[in-house]
Amino acid sequence: ETLSTLKFAQSVKQVQTKAVQNAVNMSSVEAQLRAELNALKSQLQAYQDSVESDELGFLKRRLEEQEQLCAYYGKDWDSLLAEEKSRMDERRTSLHPSALGGLGKLKKMEESH
């Protein structure tokens, strides 16, 4: 057993290794990304060509609606609250004077909050 261990150690001494650093070629990465981008653009164009114009119009309207909702709800809470209070004031002023009798309680509740 000792003799086989010595033979193994002798064979291991004869093994030669060379360290090589892996280099990433940035131009090849850029070329790959550009190729992928072009492929995705062509797929998008093919999809747009295959989608009927009505469906595309519907999707564009949905996108615009979503963007409007994001813009509206993206505001801070204080500005939304101020807008709602101004709307309530406008409603109050547009109501008939006989309907204002029940608003006294509503006004007291708002002031307490």
Foldseek 3Di string as FASTA:
>chain_A
DVVVVVVVVVVVVPDDDDDDDDDDDVVVVVVVVVVVVVVVVVVVVVVVVPDDPVVVVVVVVVVVVVVVVCVVVVDDPVVVVVVVVVVVVVVQVPDDPVVCPVCVVVVVVVVVD
